[in-house]
C-alpha atoms as a PDB file:
ATOM      1  CA  MET A   1       0.000   0.000   0.000  1.00  0.00           C
ATOM      2  CA  ALA A   2       1.279   3.418  -0.769  1.00  0.00           C
ATOM      3  CA  GLY A   3       1.842   5.253   2.421  1.00  0.00           C
ATOM      4  CA  PHE A   4       0.982   8.862   3.121  1.00  0.00           C
ATOM      5  CA  ARG A   5       4.030  11.015   2.825  1.00  0.00           C
ATOM      6  CA  LEU A   6       4.867  14.330   4.442  1.00  0.00           C
ATOM      7  CA  PRO A   7       5.751  17.007   1.868  1.00  0.00           C
ATOM      8  CA  PRO A   8       9.378  18.141   2.032  1.00  0.00           C
ATOM      9  CA  GLU A   9      10.400  21.233   3.978  1.00  0.00           C
ATOM     10  CA  GLU A  10      11.350  23.222   0.885  1.00  0.00           C
ATOM     11  CA  PRO A  11       8.580  24.455  -1.416  1.00  0.00           C
ATOM     12  CA  GLU A  12       7.818  21.771  -3.953  1.00  0.00           C
ATOM     13  CA  VAL A  13       8.813  22.756  -7.475  1.00  0.00           C
ATOM     14  CA  SER A  14       8.114  20.786 -10.610  1.00  0.00           C
ATOM     15  CA  PRO A  15      10.397  22.248 -13.271  1.00  0.00           C
ATOM     16  CA  GLN A  16      10.395  21.138 -16.877  1.00  0.00           C
ATOM     17  CA  GLN A  17       6.733  20.206 -16.708  1.00  0.00           C
ATOM     18  CA  PRO A  18       3.643  22.401 -16.972  1.00  0.00           C
ATOM     19  CA  PRO A  19       0.878  21.678 -14.462  1.00  0.00           C
ATOM     20  CA  GLN A  20      -0.851  18.506 -15.541  1.00  0.00           C
ATOM     21  CA  GLN A  21      -4.179  17.015 -14.722  1.00  0.00           C
ATOM     22  CA  VAL A  22      -4.681  13.472 -13.551  1.00  0.00           C
ATOM     23  CA  ARG A  23      -7.843  11.488 -13.112  1.00  0.00           C
ATOM     24  CA  ILE A  24      -8.657  10.649  -9.504  1.00  0.00           C
ATOM     25  CA  ALA A  25     -11.885   8.974  -8.430  1.00  0.00           C
ATOM     26  CA  GLY A  26     -13.639   9.860 -11.648  1.00  0.00           C
ATOM     27  CA  ASP A  27     -12.733  13.578 -11.794  1.00  0.00           C
ATOM     28  CA  LEU A  28      -9.767  15.593 -12.977  1.00  0.00           C
ATOM     29  CA  VAL A  29      -7.479  16.933 -10.277  1.00  0.00           C
ATOM     30  CA  SER A  30      -4.546  19.166 -11.107  1.00  0.00           C
ATOM     31  CA  ASP A  31      -1.115  18.710  -9.589  1.00  0.00           C
ATOM     32  CA  ASP A  32      -1.592  21.959  -7.671  1.00  0.00           C
ATOM     33  CA  GLU A  33      -4.855  20.723  -6.175  1.00  0.00           C
ATOM     34  CA  ARG A  34      -3.233  17.455  -5.196  1.00  0.00           C
ATOM     35  CA  SER A  35      -0.407  19.383  -3.514  1.00  0.00           C
ATOM     36  CA  VAL A  36      -2.975  21.362  -1.519  1.00  0.00           C
ATOM     37  CA  ALA A  37      -4.444  18.092  -0.293  1.00  0.00           C
ATOM     38  CA  ALA A  38      -1.025  16.830   0.760  1.00  0.00           C
ATOM     39  CA  ASP A  39      -0.150  20.140   2.417  1.00  0.00           C
ATOM     40  CA  SER A  40      -3.305  19.916   4.514  1.00  0.00           C
ATOM     41  CA  TRP A  41      -1.969  16.777   6.106  1.00  0.00           C
ATOM     42  CA  SER A  42       1.227  18.531   7.188  1.00  0.00           C
ATOM     43  CA  ILE A  43      -0.979  21.090   8.986  1.00  0.00           C
ATOM     44  CA  LYS A  44      -2.661  18.236  10.792  1.00  0.00           C
ATOM     45  CA  SER A  45       0.644  16.653  11.749  1.00  0.00           C
ATOM     46  CA  GLU A  46       2.146  19.836  13.164  1.00  0.00           C
ATOM     47  CA  TYR A  47      -0.569  20.092  15.774  1.00  0.00           C
ATOM     48  CA  GLY A  48       0.226  16.600  17.039  1.00  0.00           C
ATOM     49  CA  SER A  49      -2.138  15.524  19.808  1.00  0.00           C
ATOM     50  CA  THR A  50      -2.892  19.035  21.097  1.00  0.00           C
ATOM     51  CA  LEU A  51      -6.093  19.341  19.042  1.00  0.00           C
ATOM     52  CA  ASP A  52      -8.982  16.945  18.815  1.00  0.00           C
ATOM     53  CA  ASP A  53      -9.793  15.151  15.576  1.00  0.00           C
ATOM     54  CA  ASP A  54     -12.676  17.489  14.685  1.00  0.00           C
ATOM     55  CA  GLN A  55     -10.400  20.515  14.858  1.00  0.00           C
ATOM     56  CA  ARG A  56      -7.699  18.727  12.860  1.00  0.00           C
ATOM     57  CA  HIS A  57     -10.116  17.847  10.096  1.00  0.00           C
ATOM     58  CA  ALA A  58     -11.536  21.380  10.135  1.00  0.00           C
ATOM     59  CA  ASP A  59      -8.055  22.810   9.584  1.00  0.00           C
ATOM     60  CA  ALA A  60      -7.354  20.307   6.847  1.00  0.00           C
ATOM     61  CA  ALA A  61     -10.673  21.101   5.152  1.00  0.00           C
ATOM     62  CA  GLU A  62      -9.901  24.818   5.267  1.00  0.00           C
ATOM     63  CA  ALA A  63      -6.548  24.242   3.603  1.00  0.00           C
ATOM     64  CA  LEU A  64      -8.303  22.226   0.928  1.00  0.00           C
ATOM     65  CA  SER A  65     -10.859  24.897   0.117  1.00  0.00           C
ATOM     66  CA  SER A  66      -8.783  26.235  -2.767  1.00  0.00           C
ATOM     67  CA  ALA A  67      -9.165  22.905  -4.585  1.00  0.00           C
ATOM     68  CA  ALA A  68     -12.725  23.845  -5.384  1.00  0.00           C
ATOM     69  CA  ASN A  69     -13.038  21.871  -8.590  1.00  0.00           C
ATOM     70  CA  PHE A  70     -12.466  18.458  -7.056  1.00  0.00           C
ATOM     71  CA  ARG A  71     -15.351  16.057  -6.434  1.00  0.00           C
ATOM     72  CA  ALA A  72     -14.748  12.380  -5.783  1.00  0.00           C
ATOM     73  CA  ASN A  73     -18.225  11.300  -6.853  1.00  0.00           C
ATOM     74  CA  SER A  74     -17.439   7.703  -7.619  1.00  0.00           C
ATOM     75  CA  ASP A  75     -15.711   7.090  -4.288  1.00  0.00           C
ATOM     76  CA  TYR A  76     -18.076   9.032  -2.069  1.00  0.00           C
ATOM     77  CA  ASN A  77     -21.368   8.715  -3.970  1.00  0.00           C
ATOM     78  CA  SER A  78     -21.773  12.450  -3.659  1.00  0.00           C
ATOM     79  CA  ASP A  79     -24.168  14.358  -5.866  1.00  0.00           C
ATOM     80  CA  LYS A  80     -23.314  17.750  -4.368  1.00  0.00           C
ATOM     81  CA  GLU A  81     -22.578  20.574  -6.761  1.00  0.00           C
ATOM     82  CA  GLU A  82     -20.110  22.082  -4.278  1.00  0.00           C
ATOM     83  CA  PRO A  83     -16.935  20.243  -3.232  1.00  0.00           C
ATOM     84  CA  ASP A  84     -17.108  18.210  -0.056  1.00  0.00           C
ATOM     85  CA  PRO A  85     -14.158  19.219   2.202  1.00  0.00           C
ATOM     86  CA  GLU A  86     -14.414  15.990   4.191  1.00  0.00           C
ATOM     87  CA  GLY A  87     -14.307  13.982   0.982  1.00  0.00           C
ATOM     88  CA  MET A  88     -11.294  15.933  -0.261  1.00  0.00           C
ATOM     89  CA  ALA A  89      -9.465  15.389   3.021  1.00  0.00           C
ATOM     90  CA  SER A  90     -10.019  11.660   2.598  1.00  0.00           C
ATOM     91  CA  MET A  91      -8.673  11.439  -0.939  1.00  0.00           C
ATOM     92  CA  LEU A  92      -5.236  10.610   0.461  1.00  0.00           C
ATOM     93  CA  GLY A  93      -6.721   7.388   1.783  1.00  0.00           C
ATOM     94  CA  LEU A  94      -7.794   6.191  -1.656  1.00  0.00           C
ATOM     95  CA  GLN A  95      -5.805   3.950  -3.967  1.00  0.00           C
ATOM     96  CA  SER A  96      -6.906   6.081  -6.914  1.00  0.00           C
ATOM     97  CA  TYR A  97      -4.943   9.016  -5.495  1.00  0.00           C
ATOM     98  CA  TRP A  98      -1.736   7.010  -5.147  1.00  0.00           C
ATOM     99  CA  ASP A  99      -2.148   5.302  -8.520  1.00  0.00           C
ATOM    100  CA  SER A 100      -2.288   8.739 -10.130  1.00  0.00           C
ATOM    101  CA  ALA A 101       0.612  10.073  -8.067  1.00  0.00           C
ATOM    102  CA  TYR A 102       2.892   7.173  -8.941  1.00  0.00           C
ATOM    103  CA  ALA A 103       1.862   7.190 -12.581  1.00  0.00           C
ATOM    104  CA  ASP A 104       3.193  10.751 -12.666  1.00  0.00           C
ATOM    105  CA  GLU A 105       6.390   9.858 -10.797  1.00  0.00           C
ATOM    106  CA  LEU A 106       7.052   6.847 -13.014  1.00  0.00           C
ATOM    107  CA  ALA A 107       6.590   8.943 -16.150  1.00  0.00           C
ATOM    108  CA  ASN A 108       8.915  11.589 -14.698  1.00  0.00           C
ATOM    109  CA  PHE A 109      11.541   8.952 -13.950  1.00  0.00           C
ATOM    110  CA  ARG A 110      11.376   7.545 -17.450  1.00  0.00           C
ATOM    111  CA  GLU A 111      11.662  10.991 -19.018  1.00  0.00           C
ATOM    112  CA  HIS A 112      14.110  12.707 -16.666  1.00  0.00           C
ATOM    113  CA  GLY A 113      15.527  10.015 -14.390  1.00  0.00           C
ATOM    114  CA  HIS A 114      14.109  11.618 -11.275  1.00  0.00           C
ATOM    115  CA  ALA A 115      13.587   9.349  -8.261  1.00  0.00           C
ATOM    116  CA  GLY A 116      10.571  11.282  -7.021  1.00  0.00           C
ATOM    117  CA  GLU A 117       9.904  12.701  -3.601  1.00  0.00           C
ATOM    118  CA  VAL A 118      11.704  11.513  -0.486  1.00  0.00           C
ATOM    119  CA  TRP A 119       8.631  11.688   1.682  1.00  0.00           C
ATOM    120  CA  PHE A 120       9.140  12.793   5.287  1.00  0.00           C
ATOM    121  CA  GLY A 121      12.442  14.159   3.977  1.00  0.00           C
ATOM    122  CA  ALA A 122      15.845  12.569   3.437  1.00  0.00           C
ATOM    123  CA  ASP A 123      16.951  13.396   6.990  1.00  0.00           C
ATOM    124  CA  VAL A 124      14.049  11.467   8.511  1.00  0.00           C
ATOM    125  CA  MET A 125      14.672   8.513   6.203  1.00  0.00           C
ATOM    126  CA  ASP A 126      18.331   8.431   7.237  1.00  0.00           C
ATOM    127  CA  VAL A 127      17.377   8.544  10.920  1.00  0.00           C
ATOM    128  CA  VAL A 128      14.831   5.743  10.503  1.00  0.00           C
ATOM    129  CA  ALA A 129      17.340   3.501   8.708  1.00  0.00           C
ATOM    130  CA  SER A 130      20.264   4.038  11.090  1.00  0.00           C
ATOM    131  CA  TRP A 131      18.114   3.891  14.230  1.00  0.00           C
ATOM    132  CA  THR A 132      16.432   0.687  13.076  1.00  0.00           C
ATOM    133  CA  LYS A 133      19.826  -0.843  12.361  1.00  0.00           C
ATOM    134  CA  SER A 134      21.011  -0.057  15.893  1.00  0.00           C
ATOM    135  CA  LEU A 135      17.815  -1.439  17.390  1.00  0.00           C
ATOM    136  CA  CYS A 136      18.103  -4.715  15.477  1.00  0.00           C
ATOM    137  CA  ILE A 137      21.764  -5.123  16.409  1.00  0.00           C
ATOM    138  CA  SER A 138      21.010  -4.584  20.094  1.00  0.00           C
ATOM    139  CA  ILE A 139      18.289  -7.228  19.954  1.00  0.00           C
ATOM    140  CA  SER A 140      20.609  -9.617  18.113  1.00  0.00           C
ATOM    141  CA  GLN A 141      23.188  -9.107  20.848  1.00  0.00           C
ATOM    142  CA  GLY A 142      20.616 -10.172  23.408  1.00  0.00           C
ATOM    143  CA  HIS A 143      20.125  -6.870  25.172  1.00  0.00           C
ATOM    144  CA  MET A 144      18.023  -3.760  24.886  1.00  0.00           C
ATOM    145  CA  LEU A 145      19.002  -0.144  25.511  1.00  0.00           C
ATOM    146  CA  ASN A 146      16.856   2.652  26.835  1.00  0.00           C
ATOM    147  CA  HIS A 147      18.425   4.888  24.216  1.00  0.00           C
ATOM    148  CA  VAL A 148      19.293   3.051  21.019  1.00  0.00           C
ATOM    149  CA  GLU A 149      21.294   6.064  19.872  1.00  0.00           C
ATOM    150  CA  ASP A 150      23.832   5.211  22.618  1.00  0.00           C
ATOM    151  CA  LEU A 151      24.694   1.858  21.048  1.00  0.00           C
ATOM    152  CA  LYS A 152      28.449   1.587  20.580  1.00  0.00           C
ATOM    153  CA  SER A 153      29.532   1.166  17.000  1.00  0.00           C
ATOM    154  CA  GLU A 154      31.122  -2.117  15.991  1.00  0.00           C
ATOM    155  CA  PRO A 155      33.114  -3.169  12.922  1.00  0.00           C
ATOM    156  CA  VAL A 156      31.079  -3.340   9.737  1.00  0.00           C
ATOM    157  CA  GLU A 157      31.613  -7.087   9.415  1.00  0.00           C
ATOM    158  CA  GLU A 158      30.139  -7.604  12.894  1.00  0.00           C
ATOM    159  CA  ASN A 159      27.075  -5.553  11.966  1.00  0.00           C
ATOM    160  CA  ASP A 160      26.614  -7.541   8.771  1.00  0.00           C
ATOM    161  CA  LYS A 161      26.719 -10.747  10.783  1.00  0.00           C
ATOM    162  CA  TYR A 162      23.864  -9.548  12.974  1.00  0.00           C
ATOM    163  CA  LEU A 163      21.746  -7.960  10.242  1.00  0.00           C
ATOM    164  CA  SER A 164      21.962 -10.765   7.697  1.00  0.00           C
ATOM    165  CA  SER A 165      19.482 -12.804   9.726  1.00  0.00           C
ATOM    166  CA  TRP A 166      16.828 -10.080   9.659  1.00  0.00           C
ATOM    167  CA  SER A 167      14.199 -10.470   6.935  1.00  0.00           C
ATOM    168  CA  VAL A 168      12.693  -7.055   6.180  1.00  0.00           C
ATOM    169  CA  LEU A 169       9.321  -6.079   4.703  1.00  0.00           C
ATOM    170  CA  ASP A 170       8.481  -2.472   3.800  1.00  0.00           C
ATOM    171  CA  ILE A 171       4.698  -2.030   3.495  1.00  0.00           C
ATOM    172  CA  GLY A 172       3.596   0.846   1.291  1.00  0.00           C
ATOM    173  CA  THR A 173       7.122   1.012  -0.073  1.00  0.00           C
ATOM    174  CA  GLY A 174       6.379   3.698  -2.680  1.00  0.00           C
ATOM    175  CA  ASN A 175       9.581   4.396  -4.600  1.00  0.00           C
ATOM    176  CA  GLY A 176      11.492   1.934  -2.413  1.00  0.00           C
ATOM    177  CA  LEU A 177      14.176   4.386  -1.304  1.00  0.00           C
ATOM    178  CA  LEU A 178      13.849   3.376   2.364  1.00  0.00           C
ATOM    179  CA  LEU A 179      14.836  -0.180   1.425  1.00  0.00           C
ATOM    180  CA  GLN A 180      17.863   1.160  -0.413  1.00  0.00           C
ATOM    181  CA  GLU A 181      18.928   2.966   2.758  1.00  0.00           C
ATOM    182  CA  LEU A 182      18.395  -0.187   4.820  1.00  0.00           C
ATOM    183  CA  SER A 183      20.530  -2.091   2.336  1.00  0.00           C
ATOM    184  CA  LYS A 184      23.312   0.458   2.815  1.00  0.00           C
ATOM    185  CA  GLN A 185      23.049  -0.149   6.563  1.00  0.00           C
ATOM    186  CA  GLY A 186      23.729  -3.872   6.075  1.00  0.00           C
ATOM    187  CA  PHE A 187      20.314  -5.524   5.735  1.00  0.00           C
ATOM    188  CA  SER A 188      20.242  -7.999   2.858  1.00  0.00           C
ATOM    189  CA  ASP A 189      16.874  -9.839   2.879  1.00  0.00           C
ATOM    190  CA  LEU A 190      14.670  -6.967   1.703  1.00  0.00           C
ATOM    191  CA  THR A 191      11.144  -6.962   0.272  1.00  0.00           C
ATOM    192  CA  GLY A 192       8.911  -4.017  -0.590  1.00  0.00           C
ATOM    193  CA  VAL A 193       5.165  -4.150  -1.287  1.00  0.00           C
ATOM    194  CA  ASP A 194       2.695  -1.567  -2.479  1.00  0.00           C
ATOM    195  CA  TYR A 195      -0.845  -1.771  -3.830  1.00  0.00           C
ATOM    196  CA  SER A 196       0.042   0.647  -6.630  1.00  0.00           C
ATOM    197  CA  GLU A 197       1.549  -1.188  -9.592  1.00  0.00           C
ATOM    198  CA  ASP A 198       3.242   1.980 -10.841  1.00  0.00           C
ATOM    199  CA  ALA A 199       4.873   2.449  -7.426  1.00  0.00           C
ATOM    200  CA  ILE A 200       6.363  -1.034  -7.687  1.00  0.00           C
ATOM    201  CA  ASN A 201       7.497  -0.394 -11.266  1.00  0.00           C
ATOM    202  CA  LEU A 202       9.181   2.818 -10.116  1.00  0.00           C
ATOM    203  CA  ALA A 203      10.795   1.170  -7.075  1.00  0.00           C
ATOM    204  CA  GLN A 204      12.149  -1.707  -9.161  1.00  0.00           C
ATOM    205  CA  SER A 205      13.480   0.650 -11.823  1.00  0.00           C
ATOM    206  CA  LEU A 206      15.250   2.799  -9.237  1.00  0.00           C
ATOM    207  CA  ALA A 207      16.704  -0.226  -7.473  1.00  0.00           C
ATOM    208  CA  ASN A 208      18.061  -1.631 -10.730  1.00  0.00           C
ATOM    209  CA  ARG A 209      19.540   1.725 -11.709  1.00  0.00           C
ATOM    210  CA  ASP A 210      21.125   2.350  -8.305  1.00  0.00           C
ATOM    211  CA  GLY A 211      22.637  -1.115  -7.908  1.00  0.00           C
ATOM    212  CA  PHE A 212      20.101  -2.651  -5.505  1.00  0.00           C
ATOM    213  CA  SER A 213      18.714  -5.355  -7.758  1.00  0.00           C
ATOM    214  CA  CYS A 214      18.716  -7.771  -4.803  1.00  0.00           C
ATOM    215  CA  ILE A 215      15.697  -5.976  -3.310  1.00  0.00           C
ATOM    216  CA  LYS A 216      12.426  -7.742  -4.145  1.00  0.00           C
ATOM    217  CA  PHE A 217       9.310  -5.730  -4.991  1.00  0.00           C
ATOM    218  CA  LEU A 218       5.767  -7.084  -5.182  1.00  0.00           C
ATOM    219  CA  VAL A 219       2.308  -5.635  -5.822  1.00  0.00           C
ATOM    220  CA  ASP A 220       0.362  -6.384  -2.635  1.00  0.00           C
ATOM    221  CA  ASP A 221      -2.273  -4.680  -0.494  1.00  0.00           C
ATOM    222  CA  VAL A 222      -1.410  -4.897   3.188  1.00  0.00           C
ATOM    223  CA  LEU A 223      -5.123  -4.954   4.068  1.00  0.00           C
ATOM    224  CA  ASP A 224      -5.640  -8.009   1.878  1.00  0.00           C
ATOM    225  CA  THR A 225      -2.140  -9.408   1.727  1.00  0.00           C
ATOM    226  CA  LYS A 226      -1.311 -12.479  -0.294  1.00  0.00           C
ATOM    227  CA  LEU A 227       2.100 -12.884   1.345  1.00  0.00           C
ATOM    228  CA  GLU A 228       2.523 -16.274   2.973  1.00  0.00           C
ATOM    229  CA  ARG A 229       5.686 -15.644   4.978  1.00  0.00           C
ATOM    230  CA  GLN A 230       6.558 -13.726   8.115  1.00  0.00           C
ATOM    231  CA  PHE A 231       9.330 -11.193   8.562  1.00  0.00           C
ATOM    232  CA  GLN A 232      11.598 -10.327  11.472  1.00  0.00           C
ATOM    233  CA  LEU A 233      11.253  -6.625  10.686  1.00  0.00           C
ATOM    234  CA  VAL A 234       8.278  -4.823   9.132  1.00  0.00           C
ATOM    235  CA  MET A 235       8.644  -1.136   8.247  1.00  0.00           C
ATOM    236  CA  ASP A 236       5.780   1.325   7.821  1.00  0.00           C
ATOM    237  CA  LYS A 237       6.622   4.880   6.768  1.00  0.00           C
ATOM    238  CA  GLY A 238       3.280   6.663   6.406  1.00  0.00           C
ATOM    239  CA  THR A 239       1.061   3.749   5.392  1.00  0.00           C
ATOM    240  CA  LEU A 240      -0.993   3.718   8.593  1.00  0.00           C
ATOM    241  CA  ASP A 241      -1.443   7.479   8.192  1.00  0.00           C
ATOM    242  CA  ALA A 242      -2.968   7.036   4.740  1.00  0.00           C
ATOM    243  CA  ILE A 243      -5.153   4.141   5.854  1.00  0.00           C
ATOM    244  CA  GLY A 244      -6.570   6.329   8.598  1.00  0.00           C
ATOM    245  CA  LEU A 245      -7.656   8.886   5.990  1.00  0.00           C
ATOM    246  CA  HIS A 246      -9.860   6.404   4.150  1.00  0.00           C
ATOM    247  CA  PRO A 247     -13.623   7.104   4.533  1.00  0.00           C
ATOM    248  CA  ASP A 248     -13.768   3.831   6.505  1.00  0.00           C
ATOM    249  CA  GLY A 249     -10.592   4.701   8.375  1.00  0.00           C
ATOM    250  CA  PRO A 250     -11.458   3.161  11.797  1.00  0.00           C
ATOM    251  CA  LEU A 251     -12.366  -0.172  10.219  1.00  0.00           C
ATOM    252  CA  LYS A 252      -9.343  -0.071   7.909  1.00  0.00           C
ATOM    253  CA  ARG A 253      -7.027   0.517  10.869  1.00  0.00           C
ATOM    254  CA  ILE A 254      -8.390  -2.607  12.575  1.00  0.00           C
ATOM    255  CA  MET A 255      -7.763  -4.527   9.359  1.00  0.00           C
ATOM    256  CA  TYR A 256      -4.255  -3.081   9.270  1.00  0.00           C
ATOM    257  CA  TRP A 257      -3.352  -4.329  12.743  1.00  0.00           C
ATOM    258  CA  ASP A 258      -4.834  -7.745  12.053  1.00  0.00           C
ATOM    259  CA  SER A 259      -2.786  -8.006   8.875  1.00  0.00           C
ATOM    260  CA  VAL A 260       0.575  -6.784  10.162  1.00  0.00           C
ATOM    261  CA  SER A 261       0.256  -9.011  13.232  1.00  0.00           C
ATOM    262  CA  LYS A 262       0.341 -11.948  10.816  1.00  0.00           C
ATOM    263  CA  LEU A 263       3.268 -10.535   8.835  1.00  0.00           C
ATOM    264  CA  VAL A 264       5.567  -9.899  11.795  1.00  0.00           C
ATOM    265  CA  ALA A 265       7.191 -13.062  13.139  1.00  0.00           C
ATOM    266  CA  PRO A 266       6.939 -13.737  16.900  1.00  0.00           C
ATOM    267  CA  GLY A 267       9.667 -11.749  18.589  1.00  0.00           C
ATOM    268  CA  GLY A 268      10.004  -9.547  15.500  1.00  0.00           C
ATOM    269  CA  LEU A 269       9.675  -5.788  15.158  1.00  0.00           C
ATOM    270  CA  LEU A 270       7.173  -3.401  13.638  1.00  0.00           C
ATOM    271  CA  VAL A 271       8.643   0.081  13.114  1.00  0.00           C
ATOM    272  CA  ILE A 272       6.072   2.768  12.306  1.00  0.00           C
ATOM    273  CA  THR A 273       6.967   6.284  11.179  1.00  0.00           C
ATOM    274  CA  SER A 274       4.008   8.667  11.281  1.00  0.00           C
ATOM    275  CA  CYS A 275       3.370  12.342  10.685  1.00  0.00           C
ATOM    276  CA  ASN A 276      -0.197  12.079  11.984  1.00  0.00           C
ATOM    277  CA  SER A 277       0.153  10.223  15.279  1.00  0.00           C
ATOM    278  CA  THR A 278       2.487  10.995  18.150  1.00  0.00           C
ATOM    279  CA  LYS A 279       4.466   8.306  19.907  1.00  0.00           C
ATOM    280  CA  ASP A 280       1.966   8.297  22.778  1.00  0.00           C
ATOM    281  CA  GLU A 281      -0.988   8.048  20.395  1.00  0.00           C
ATOM    282  CA  LEU A 282       0.514   5.040  18.613  1.00  0.00           C
ATOM    283  CA  VAL A 283       1.297   3.321  21.919  1.00  0.00           C
ATOM    284  CA  HIS A 284      -2.238   4.025  23.122  1.00  0.00           C
ATOM    285  CA  GLU A 285      -3.714   2.614  19.921  1.00  0.00           C
ATOM    286  CA  VAL A 286      -1.756  -0.605  20.308  1.00  0.00           C
ATOM    287  CA  SER A 287      -2.543  -0.994  24.002  1.00  0.00           C
ATOM    288  CA  ASN A 288      -6.253  -0.527  23.291  1.00  0.00           C
ATOM    289  CA  LEU A 289      -6.300  -2.584  20.126  1.00  0.00           C
ATOM    290  CA  SER A 290      -8.643  -5.258  21.440  1.00  0.00           C
ATOM    291  CA  GLN A 291     -11.199  -2.680  22.589  1.00  0.00           C
ATOM    292  CA  ARG A 292     -11.025  -0.830  19.264  1.00  0.00           C
ATOM    293  CA  ARG A 293     -11.515  -4.093  17.384  1.00  0.00           C
ATOM    294  CA  ILE A 294     -14.618  -4.909  19.418  1.00  0.00           C
ATOM    295  CA  GLY A 295     -16.108  -1.438  18.960  1.00  0.00           C
ATOM    296  CA  VAL A 296     -15.568  -1.248  15.214  1.00  0.00           C
ATOM    297  CA  SER A 297     -16.705  -4.835  14.691  1.00  0.00           C
ATOM    298  CA  GLN A 298     -19.955  -4.108  16.503  1.00  0.00           C
ATOM    299  CA  GLU A 299     -20.502  -0.881  14.577  1.00  0.00           C
ATOM    300  CA  HIS A 300     -20.079  -2.656  11.246  1.00  0.00           C
ATOM    301  CA  GLU A 301     -21.792  -5.840  12.422  1.00  0.00           C
ATOM    302  CA  ILE A 302     -18.673  -7.898  11.824  1.00  0.00           C
ATOM    303  CA  LYS A 303     -18.128 -11.068  13.797  1.00  0.00           C
ATOM    304  CA  ASP A 304     -14.532 -11.326  14.903  1.00  0.00           C
ATOM    305  CA  GLU A 305     -13.728 -14.444  16.899  1.00  0.00           C
ATOM    306  CA  GLU A 306     -10.379 -12.995  17.956  1.00  0.00           C
ATOM    307  CA  ALA A 307     -11.749  -9.640  19.086  1.00  0.00           C
ATOM    308  CA  CYS A 308     -11.023 -10.238  22.759  1.00  0.00           C
ATOM    309  CA  ARG A 309      -7.435 -11.385  22.394  1.00  0.00           C
ATOM    310  CA  GLU A 310      -4.557  -9.453  23.886  1.00  0.00           C
ATOM    311  CA  PRO A 311      -2.891  -6.844  21.631  1.00  0.00           C
ATOM    312  CA  PRO A 312      -0.305  -8.615  19.465  1.00  0.00           C
ATOM    313  CA  PHE A 313       2.301  -5.879  19.975  1.00  0.00           C
ATOM    314  CA  ARG A 314       3.889  -4.027  22.852  1.00  0.00           C
ATOM    315  CA  TYR A 315       5.861  -0.799  22.853  1.00  0.00           C
ATOM    316  CA  LEU A 316       9.630  -1.240  22.703  1.00  0.00           C
ATOM    317  CA  ASN A 317      11.348   2.039  21.843  1.00  0.00           C
ATOM    318  CA  HIS A 318      11.102   5.255  19.817  1.00  0.00           C
ATOM    319  CA  VAL A 319      13.334   7.796  18.104  1.00  0.00           C
ATOM    320  CA  ARG A 320      14.232  10.608  20.477  1.00  0.00           C
ATOM    321  CA  THR A 321      16.333  12.768  18.159  1.00  0.00           C
ATOM    322  CA  TYR A 322      13.647  14.457  16.032  1.00  0.00           C
ATOM    323  CA  PRO A 323      13.346  18.232  16.533  1.00  0.00           C
ATOM    324  CA  THR A 324      10.530  19.172  18.911  1.00  0.00           C
ATOM    325  CA  PHE A 325       8.356  22.256  19.342  1.00  0.00           C
ATOM    326  CA  MET A 326       5.917  23.575  21.925  1.00  0.00           C
ATOM    327  CA  PHE A 327       2.253  24.126  21.066  1.00  0.00           C
ATOM    328  CA  GLY A 328      -0.485  24.865  23.584  1.00  0.00           C
ATOM    329  CA  GLY A 329       1.810  23.929  26.442  1.00  0.00           C
ATOM    330  CA  SER A 330       2.561  20.491  24.966  1.00  0.00           C
ATOM    331  CA  GLU A 331       5.785  19.299  23.377  1.00  0.00           C
ATOM    332  CA  GLY A 332       5.629  17.455  20.084  1.00  0.00           C
ATOM    333  CA  SER A 333       7.422  16.800  16.810  1.00  0.00           C
ATOM    334  CA  ARG A 334       6.375  16.660  13.201  1.00  0.00           C
ATOM    335  CA  VAL A 335       7.326  12.991  12.909  1.00  0.00           C
ATOM    336  CA  ALA A 336       7.265  10.005  15.279  1.00  0.00           C
ATOM    337  CA  THR A 337       9.066   6.692  14.786  1.00  0.00           C
ATOM    338  CA  VAL A 338       8.036   3.939  17.185  1.00  0.00           C
ATOM    339  CA  ALA A 339       9.110   0.282  17.444  1.00  0.00           C
ATOM    340  CA  PHE A 340       6.736  -2.422  18.649  1.00  0.00           C
ATOM    341  CA  LEU A 341       7.723  -5.955  19.590  1.00  0.00           C
ATOM    342  CA  ARG A 342       5.545  -8.844  18.360  1.00  0.00           C
ATOM    343  CA  ASN A 343       4.303 -10.847  21.331  1.00  0.00           C
END
């Protein structure tokens, strides 16, 4: 599944191409309108947990108001003449949005050789890769640290010995650049999946060009995965964020946790990087997973025989080096990276 991605810090510029229009959910949406939708999510992420969901969505809807020509009729069954701000805010949760986005990025790669956006920014991607490496090494050594950043460096050959046993799955891999960074860190058994075929085509093309042909890429939807193996390490950089934006977001999130719990091997790790949820919010969601599953299942009249089981994950660690800011008396950061251990 293509994960939601935080727009880069610098203003996004698309030289060499005039603004184009792409078809999303039955209507034409320009690149500028799509950027407005993405920018609205960064507004939501900056507030962290200091505002309730209604206020977050209100701010996102206000930012989207300039995209007045967009109507996702086929996805929302809306017959309104005026745009529906709630529907526009949810477009980032639709596969049609990501199919269009990656069709553009693939065409741009083929014409200009561009890799596309490094969502969340290159600095965040580097932090995620190096921090995850240190976490996996500490687990392989049989101990855990309160601060993974304090792990003493060891010779490269020692690191390779530890990391070679870790099978890695990146869900919502997009252009696959995170897997390239993990490969540079010493991981070798790497697989990326995305429900957008063009995303996988782009990721495979970039990997082949950049000398990472050993990375495997597959078209697969994490909510309806066809994978039949488990992985020691599962990475999620923005996918849960996008799933939460779907019109059926609460139900989709339950499906997400059910699916990833089957993909992560017992004793393995799930590392989530989010621009929507804080570390505390992600930990709270996991600790209350069984209650959420029961509530959503009852609301949608779904019978879930495993609804009362204990949460499959527990909090292990999180990145502490991201820049923080104060808002409304609370401290937060634009991005959170949290590791959960599979029970």
